């Protein structure tokens, strides 16, 4: 066993950024409201950084008043969209986050536009 593994001084607490990455978002099935743990809930005085599981049992959706059991887990922000079973199919685009997909799509559209615009320069 290495001395680093037994050294009590070497234990590091997870950084605050890692903790924020692990907070899952939840969507209300009744109205579509998304509880963002990084923002909290101002109406119910829930501070930012509060996980959905840590909310009290009497907390309700601020839009429609639905109970906590009416919410479904969306996962953390920036996760690839779609089912986890399908992420390996295709050209690897399924594993991209929504932001990366937007950059890929609109970047390709911009390049296509520039290509067709360059055709005006031909004589």
N, C-alpha and C. Protein backbone atom coordinates (compact mmCIF):
# COMPACT_ATOMS: atom_id res chain seq x y z
N UNK A 1 0.84 -1.17 0.00
CA UNK A 1 0.00 0.00 0.00
C UNK A 1 0.89 1.23 0.00
N UNK A 2 0.54 2.22 -0.79
CA UNK A 2 1.38 3.41 -0.90
C UNK A 2 1.17 4.31 0.32
N UNK A 3 2.21 5.08 0.68
CA UNK A 3 2.07 5.97 1.84
C UNK A 3 1.06 7.09 1.57
N UNK A 4 0.83 7.42 0.29
CA UNK A 4 -0.11 8.49 -0.01
C UNK A 4 -1.53 8.07 0.33
N UNK A 5 -1.83 6.77 0.18
CA UNK A 5 -3.18 6.29 0.44
C UNK A 5 -3.50 6.28 1.93
N UNK A 6 -2.47 6.08 2.79
CA UNK A 6 -2.70 6.02 4.23
C UNK A 6 -2.49 7.35 4.91
N UNK A 7 -1.98 8.33 4.23
CA UNK A 7 -1.69 9.64 4.81
C UNK A 7 -2.99 10.41 5.03
N UNK A 8 -3.36 10.69 6.29
CA UNK A 8 -4.61 11.40 6.53
C UNK A 8 -4.57 12.84 6.05
N UNK A 9 -3.37 13.40 5.90
CA UNK A 9 -3.25 14.78 5.41
C UNK A 9 -3.55 14.87 3.92
N UNK A 10 -3.49 13.74 3.22
CA UNK A 10 -3.64 13.73 1.77
C UNK A 10 -5.10 13.68 1.33
N UNK A 11 -6.03 13.55 2.27
CA UNK A 11 -7.43 13.49 1.87
C UNK A 11 -7.88 14.87 1.43
N UNK A 12 -8.48 14.92 0.26
CA UNK A 12 -8.94 16.18 -0.28
C UNK A 12 -10.45 16.15 -0.38
N UNK A 13 -11.06 17.21 0.09
CA UNK A 13 -12.51 17.32 -0.05
C UNK A 13 -12.82 17.67 -1.49
N UNK A 14 -13.95 17.19 -2.01
CA UNK A 14 -14.30 17.55 -3.38
C UNK A 14 -14.50 19.05 -3.50
N UNK A 15 -14.03 19.60 -4.59
CA UNK A 15 -14.13 21.04 -4.77
C UNK A 15 -15.58 21.45 -4.93
N UNK A 16 -15.83 22.73 -4.75
CA UNK A 16 -17.20 23.24 -4.86
C UNK A 16 -17.71 23.11 -6.28
N UNK A 17 -16.84 23.24 -7.27
CA UNK A 17 -17.26 23.09 -8.66
C UNK A 17 -17.71 21.66 -8.94
N UNK A 18 -17.01 20.67 -8.36
CA UNK A 18 -17.42 19.28 -8.54
C UNK A 18 -18.78 19.03 -7.92
N UNK A 19 -19.03 19.64 -6.77
CA UNK A 19 -20.32 19.47 -6.11
C UNK A 19 -21.44 20.07 -6.95
N UNK A 20 -21.18 21.21 -7.58
CA UNK A 20 -22.20 21.84 -8.42
C UNK A 20 -22.47 21.01 -9.66
N UNK A 21 -21.45 20.32 -10.17
CA UNK A 21 -21.65 19.51 -11.37
C UNK A 21 -22.53 18.30 -11.09
N UNK A 22 -22.59 17.87 -9.83
CA UNK A 22 -23.34 16.67 -9.49
C UNK A 22 -24.79 16.96 -9.12
N UNK A 23 -25.20 18.22 -9.07
CA UNK A 23 -26.57 18.55 -8.71
C UNK A 23 -27.49 18.35 -9.91
N UNK A 24 -28.47 17.47 -9.75
CA UNK A 24 -29.40 17.17 -10.83
C UNK A 24 -30.53 18.19 -10.86
N UNK A 25 -30.99 18.47 -12.07
CA UNK A 25 -32.16 19.32 -12.26
C UNK A 25 -33.40 18.44 -12.30
N UNK A 26 -34.53 18.97 -11.89
CA UNK A 26 -35.79 18.23 -11.89
C UNK A 26 -36.85 19.06 -12.58
N UNK A 27 -37.69 18.38 -13.39
CA UNK A 27 -38.75 19.05 -14.15
C UNK A 27 -40.11 18.63 -13.62
N UNK A 28 -41.00 19.62 -13.47
CA UNK A 28 -42.36 19.35 -13.04
C UNK A 28 -43.12 18.71 -14.21
N UNK A 29 -43.72 17.55 -13.96
CA UNK A 29 -44.46 16.86 -15.01
C UNK A 29 -45.77 17.56 -15.35
N UNK A 30 -46.27 18.40 -14.45
CA UNK A 30 -47.55 19.07 -14.68
C UNK A 30 -47.40 20.32 -15.55
N UNK A 31 -46.39 21.15 -15.26
CA UNK A 31 -46.30 22.44 -15.96
C UNK A 31 -45.00 22.65 -16.72
N UNK A 32 -43.98 21.83 -16.49
CA UNK A 32 -42.72 21.98 -17.20
C UNK A 32 -41.70 22.85 -16.49
N UNK A 33 -42.00 23.34 -15.29
CA UNK A 33 -41.04 24.13 -14.52
C UNK A 33 -39.82 23.27 -14.21
N UNK A 34 -38.63 23.83 -14.37
CA UNK A 34 -37.39 23.10 -14.09
C UNK A 34 -36.76 23.70 -12.83
N UNK A 35 -36.59 22.87 -11.80
CA UNK A 35 -35.90 23.29 -10.58
C UNK A 35 -34.41 23.22 -10.84
N UNK A 36 -33.76 24.37 -10.80
CA UNK A 36 -32.31 24.47 -10.99
C UNK A 36 -31.66 24.59 -9.61
N UNK A 37 -30.93 23.57 -9.15
CA UNK A 37 -30.33 23.65 -7.82
C UNK A 37 -29.29 24.76 -7.68
N UNK A 38 -28.66 25.15 -8.78
CA UNK A 38 -27.66 26.21 -8.70
C UNK A 38 -28.31 27.58 -8.49
N UNK A 39 -29.59 27.69 -8.78
CA UNK A 39 -30.31 28.96 -8.60
C UNK A 39 -31.18 28.94 -7.34
N UNK A 40 -31.67 27.78 -6.95
CA UNK A 40 -32.56 27.69 -5.80
C UNK A 40 -33.97 28.12 -6.18
N UNK A 41 -34.75 28.51 -5.18
CA UNK A 41 -36.13 28.95 -5.39
C UNK A 41 -36.35 30.18 -4.53
N UNK A 42 -36.46 31.35 -5.17
CA UNK A 42 -36.62 32.60 -4.44
C UNK A 42 -37.98 32.68 -3.73
N UNK A 43 -39.01 32.13 -4.34
CA UNK A 43 -40.36 32.22 -3.77
C UNK A 43 -40.47 31.47 -2.45
N UNK A 44 -39.80 30.34 -2.35
CA UNK A 44 -39.86 29.52 -1.13
C UNK A 44 -38.63 29.72 -0.25
N UNK A 45 -37.80 30.71 -0.56
CA UNK A 45 -36.58 31.02 0.20
C UNK A 45 -35.63 29.83 0.26
N UNK A 46 -35.48 29.12 -0.85
CA UNK A 46 -34.53 28.02 -0.94
C UNK A 46 -33.23 28.59 -1.49
N UNK A 47 -32.13 28.50 -0.73
CA UNK A 47 -30.87 29.10 -1.20
C UNK A 47 -30.28 28.36 -2.40
N UNK A 48 -29.46 29.05 -3.14
CA UNK A 48 -28.78 28.45 -4.29
C UNK A 48 -27.86 27.33 -3.80
N UNK A 49 -27.76 26.27 -4.59
CA UNK A 49 -26.91 25.14 -4.24
C UNK A 49 -27.63 24.06 -3.45
N UNK A 50 -28.94 24.19 -3.25
CA UNK A 50 -29.71 23.19 -2.52
C UNK A 50 -30.16 22.09 -3.47
N UNK A 51 -29.76 20.87 -3.18
CA UNK A 51 -30.16 19.73 -4.01
C UNK A 51 -31.66 19.49 -3.87
N UNK A 52 -32.26 18.93 -4.91
CA UNK A 52 -33.69 18.66 -4.91
C UNK A 52 -34.07 17.71 -3.78
N UNK A 53 -33.22 16.73 -3.51
CA UNK A 53 -33.50 15.77 -2.45
C UNK A 53 -33.50 16.42 -1.08
N UNK A 54 -32.80 17.56 -0.94
CA UNK A 54 -32.71 18.25 0.34
C UNK A 54 -33.90 19.17 0.61
N UNK A 55 -34.75 19.38 -0.39
CA UNK A 55 -35.92 20.22 -0.19
C UNK A 55 -36.87 19.55 0.79
N UNK A 56 -37.60 20.35 1.55
CA UNK A 56 -38.55 19.77 2.51
C UNK A 56 -39.67 19.05 1.78
N UNK A 57 -40.33 18.13 2.47
CA UNK A 57 -41.39 17.34 1.85
C UNK A 57 -42.61 18.18 1.50
N UNK A 58 -42.78 19.32 2.17
CA UNK A 58 -43.93 20.16 1.87
C UNK A 58 -43.63 21.22 0.80
N UNK A 59 -42.42 21.17 0.21
CA UNK A 59 -42.10 22.10 -0.89
C UNK A 59 -42.94 21.75 -2.10
N UNK A 60 -43.41 22.78 -2.79
CA UNK A 60 -44.24 22.58 -3.98
C UNK A 60 -43.70 23.39 -5.14
N UNK A 61 -44.13 23.01 -6.34
CA UNK A 61 -43.74 23.71 -7.55
C UNK A 61 -44.19 25.17 -7.44
N UNK A 62 -43.29 26.13 -7.68
CA UNK A 62 -43.67 27.54 -7.56
C UNK A 62 -44.64 28.00 -8.64
N UNK A 63 -44.79 27.25 -9.72
CA UNK A 63 -45.67 27.65 -10.81
C UNK A 63 -47.07 27.08 -10.64
N UNK A 64 -47.16 25.75 -10.45
CA UNK A 64 -48.48 25.11 -10.43
C UNK A 64 -48.85 24.51 -9.08
N UNK A 65 -47.91 24.43 -8.14
CA UNK A 65 -48.21 23.89 -6.82
C UNK A 65 -48.14 22.38 -6.71
N UNK A 66 -47.54 21.70 -7.70
CA UNK A 66 -47.43 20.24 -7.66
C UNK A 66 -46.43 19.81 -6.57
N UNK A 67 -46.64 18.63 -6.03
CA UNK A 67 -45.75 18.10 -4.99
C UNK A 67 -44.44 17.60 -5.60
N UNK A 68 -43.48 17.30 -4.72
CA UNK A 68 -42.15 16.85 -5.17
C UNK A 68 -42.22 15.57 -5.99
N UNK A 69 -43.14 14.69 -5.69
CA UNK A 69 -43.20 13.40 -6.39
C UNK A 69 -43.65 13.56 -7.84
N UNK A 70 -44.14 14.74 -8.21
CA UNK A 70 -44.56 15.02 -9.58
C UNK A 70 -43.39 15.46 -10.46
N UNK A 71 -42.19 15.49 -9.92
CA UNK A 71 -41.01 15.94 -10.66
C UNK A 71 -40.23 14.75 -11.18
N UNK A 72 -39.61 14.91 -12.34
CA UNK A 72 -38.76 13.85 -12.90
C UNK A 72 -37.34 14.39 -13.05
N UNK A 73 -36.38 13.51 -12.88
CA UNK A 73 -34.96 13.88 -12.90
C UNK A 73 -34.50 14.13 -14.33
N UNK A 74 -33.88 15.30 -14.56
CA UNK A 74 -33.31 15.63 -15.87
C UNK A 74 -31.81 15.42 -15.91
N UNK A 75 -31.20 15.23 -14.75
CA UNK A 75 -29.74 15.09 -14.69
C UNK A 75 -29.07 16.44 -14.56
N UNK A 76 -27.76 16.46 -14.45
CA UNK A 76 -27.03 17.72 -14.31
C UNK A 76 -27.04 18.54 -15.59
N UNK A 77 -26.73 19.81 -15.45
CA UNK A 77 -26.66 20.72 -16.60
C UNK A 77 -25.51 20.29 -17.50
N UNK A 78 -25.72 20.33 -18.81
CA UNK A 78 -24.66 20.04 -19.77
C UNK A 78 -24.48 18.58 -20.11
N UNK A 79 -25.36 17.73 -19.63
CA UNK A 79 -25.29 16.31 -20.00
C UNK A 79 -25.69 16.12 -21.45
N UNK A 80 -25.16 15.11 -22.11
CA UNK A 80 -25.66 14.80 -23.45
C UNK A 80 -27.13 14.45 -23.40
N UNK A 81 -27.89 14.90 -24.39
CA UNK A 81 -29.32 14.63 -24.38
C UNK A 81 -29.60 13.26 -24.98
N UNK A 82 -30.68 12.67 -24.56
CA UNK A 82 -31.08 11.37 -25.07
C UNK A 82 -30.84 10.27 -24.05
N UNK A 83 -31.20 9.06 -24.44
CA UNK A 83 -31.03 7.91 -23.56
C UNK A 83 -29.56 7.49 -23.53
N UNK A 84 -29.10 7.04 -22.36
CA UNK A 84 -27.70 6.64 -22.21
C UNK A 84 -27.36 5.45 -23.09
N UNK A 85 -28.35 4.60 -23.38
CA UNK A 85 -28.10 3.43 -24.22
C UNK A 85 -27.78 3.84 -25.66
N UNK A 86 -28.27 4.98 -26.09
CA UNK A 86 -28.12 5.40 -27.48
C UNK A 86 -26.91 6.30 -27.72
N UNK A 87 -26.14 6.61 -26.70
CA UNK A 87 -25.03 7.55 -26.86
C UNK A 87 -23.91 7.00 -27.73
N UNK A 88 -23.81 5.69 -27.87
CA UNK A 88 -22.74 5.10 -28.66
C UNK A 88 -23.05 4.96 -30.15
N UNK A 89 -24.26 5.25 -30.56
CA UNK A 89 -24.63 5.09 -31.96
C UNK A 89 -24.26 6.31 -32.78
N UNK A 90 -24.19 6.13 -34.09
CA UNK A 90 -23.94 7.26 -35.00
C UNK A 90 -22.47 7.59 -35.12
N UNK A 91 -22.21 8.83 -35.49
CA UNK A 91 -20.85 9.29 -35.72
C UNK A 91 -20.18 9.83 -34.46
N UNK A 92 -20.77 9.63 -33.31
CA UNK A 92 -20.22 10.14 -32.07
C UNK A 92 -20.81 11.48 -31.67
N UNK A 93 -21.75 11.98 -32.45
CA UNK A 93 -22.36 13.27 -32.15
C UNK A 93 -23.32 13.14 -30.96
N UNK A 94 -23.80 11.93 -30.69
CA UNK A 94 -24.74 11.73 -29.59
C UNK A 94 -24.13 12.04 -28.24
N UNK A 95 -22.82 11.96 -28.12
CA UNK A 95 -22.18 12.21 -26.83
C UNK A 95 -21.91 13.68 -26.58
N UNK A 96 -22.18 14.54 -27.55
CA UNK A 96 -21.95 15.97 -27.38
C UNK A 96 -23.03 16.58 -26.51
N UNK A 97 -22.64 17.63 -25.78
CA UNK A 97 -23.62 18.36 -24.99
C UNK A 97 -24.46 19.23 -25.92
N UNK A 98 -25.61 19.71 -25.46
CA UNK A 98 -26.43 20.57 -26.32
C UNK A 98 -25.68 21.80 -26.83
N UNK A 99 -24.82 22.39 -26.03
CA UNK A 99 -24.05 23.55 -26.48
C UNK A 99 -23.10 23.17 -27.60
N UNK A 100 -22.44 22.04 -27.46
CA UNK A 100 -21.52 21.59 -28.51
C UNK A 100 -22.27 21.26 -29.79
N UNK A 101 -23.46 20.69 -29.67
CA UNK A 101 -24.26 20.40 -30.86
C UNK A 101 -24.67 21.68 -31.56
N UNK A 102 -25.05 22.70 -30.80
CA UNK A 102 -25.42 23.98 -31.40
C UNK A 102 -24.24 24.59 -32.14
N UNK A 103 -23.06 24.55 -31.54
CA UNK A 103 -21.87 25.08 -32.21
C UNK A 103 -21.57 24.32 -33.50
N UNK A 104 -21.72 23.01 -33.47
CA UNK A 104 -21.48 22.20 -34.65
C UNK A 104 -22.48 22.52 -35.76
N UNK A 105 -23.75 22.58 -35.43
CA UNK A 105 -24.79 22.82 -36.43
C UNK A 105 -24.67 24.21 -37.03
N UNK A 106 -24.62 25.23 -36.17
CA UNK A 106 -24.61 26.59 -36.69
C UNK A 106 -23.26 26.96 -37.29
N UNK A 107 -22.18 26.32 -36.84
CA UNK A 107 -20.88 26.52 -37.48
C UNK A 107 -20.88 25.97 -38.89
N UNK A 108 -21.48 24.79 -39.07
CA UNK A 108 -21.58 24.20 -40.41
C UNK A 108 -22.47 25.05 -41.31
N UNK A 109 -23.55 25.59 -40.77
CA UNK A 109 -24.42 26.47 -41.56
C UNK A 109 -23.67 27.73 -41.99
N UNK A 110 -22.88 28.30 -41.08
CA UNK A 110 -22.12 29.51 -41.41
C UNK A 110 -21.08 29.20 -42.49
N UNK A 111 -20.41 28.06 -42.39
CA UNK A 111 -19.43 27.69 -43.42
C UNK A 111 -20.11 27.47 -44.77
N UNK A 112 -21.27 26.83 -44.77
CA UNK A 112 -22.02 26.64 -46.01
C UNK A 112 -22.45 27.96 -46.62
N UNK A 113 -22.88 28.89 -45.78
CA UNK A 113 -23.26 30.21 -46.26
C UNK A 113 -22.07 30.92 -46.89
N UNK A 114 -20.92 30.86 -46.22
CA UNK A 114 -19.71 31.49 -46.77
C UNK A 114 -19.29 30.83 -48.07
N UNK A 115 -19.45 29.51 -48.17
CA UNK A 115 -19.12 28.82 -49.41
C UNK A 115 -19.99 29.32 -50.56
N UNK A 116 -21.30 29.38 -50.35
CA UNK A 116 -22.18 29.85 -51.42
C UNK A 116 -21.96 31.33 -51.72
N UNK A 117 -21.60 32.10 -50.73
CA UNK A 117 -21.29 33.51 -50.95
C UNK A 117 -20.02 33.65 -51.79
N UNK A 118 -19.07 32.73 -51.60
CA UNK A 118 -17.83 32.79 -52.37
C UNK A 118 -18.05 32.45 -53.84
N UNK A 119 -19.14 31.77 -54.17
CA UNK A 119 -19.43 31.45 -55.57
C UNK A 119 -19.72 32.70 -56.39
N UNK A 120 -20.12 33.79 -55.74
CA UNK A 120 -20.34 35.05 -56.46
C UNK A 120 -19.03 35.59 -57.03
N UNK A 121 -17.90 35.20 -56.44
CA UNK A 121 -16.61 35.68 -56.90
C UNK A 121 -16.13 35.00 -58.17
N UNK A 122 -16.76 33.90 -58.57
CA UNK A 122 -16.36 33.20 -59.79
C UNK A 122 -16.83 33.98 -61.01
N UNK A 123 -16.04 33.93 -62.05
CA UNK A 123 -16.42 34.66 -63.28
C UNK A 123 -16.67 33.71 -64.40
